Amino acid sequence: KEGGRCGLLTWKHSECSIVMDCYRNYEISQPNAPLLEYLHNEHPKSAAKLEKRDAFDMDDVRRPTPTEVRENSRSRSALLHVMRKKVGIRALDVERAAYKKLGWENPPKEPSVTKWKGW
């Protein structure tokens, strides 16, 4: 449901990359994103076709405090990623629409898993 949160702890760079790749596929577009503003101003019909879907918004990554690292040295490399579920226009959809209008090559591809169970 909208407003749900998912917290993920990562310790390695490769784990963090997997989380960020997933997030980028489902990231919600910010209302003041330049490509979205371009579509609204220059191609309003295309902008109107963008549908609102389930998406993620992410808080800033949190690191352990100095006190926590002193008490538990293994926590020093931990990163906490918190994603919030929202309904809105996905950034990936905005990019795909804008690439076509601007004549840019190779628009971003739709993720291989387009619908997760429970969404």
Foldseek 3Di string as FASTA:
>chain_A
DAFDKDKDKDQDPVVVVVVVVVQLLFAADDPVPPLLVCCVVPPVVLNVPQAKDKGKDKDPKDADDPVVCVVPVSRRRMIMIMIGIHIHGRPLSSQQSSCVVVVHPDRDDRDPDNDDPPD
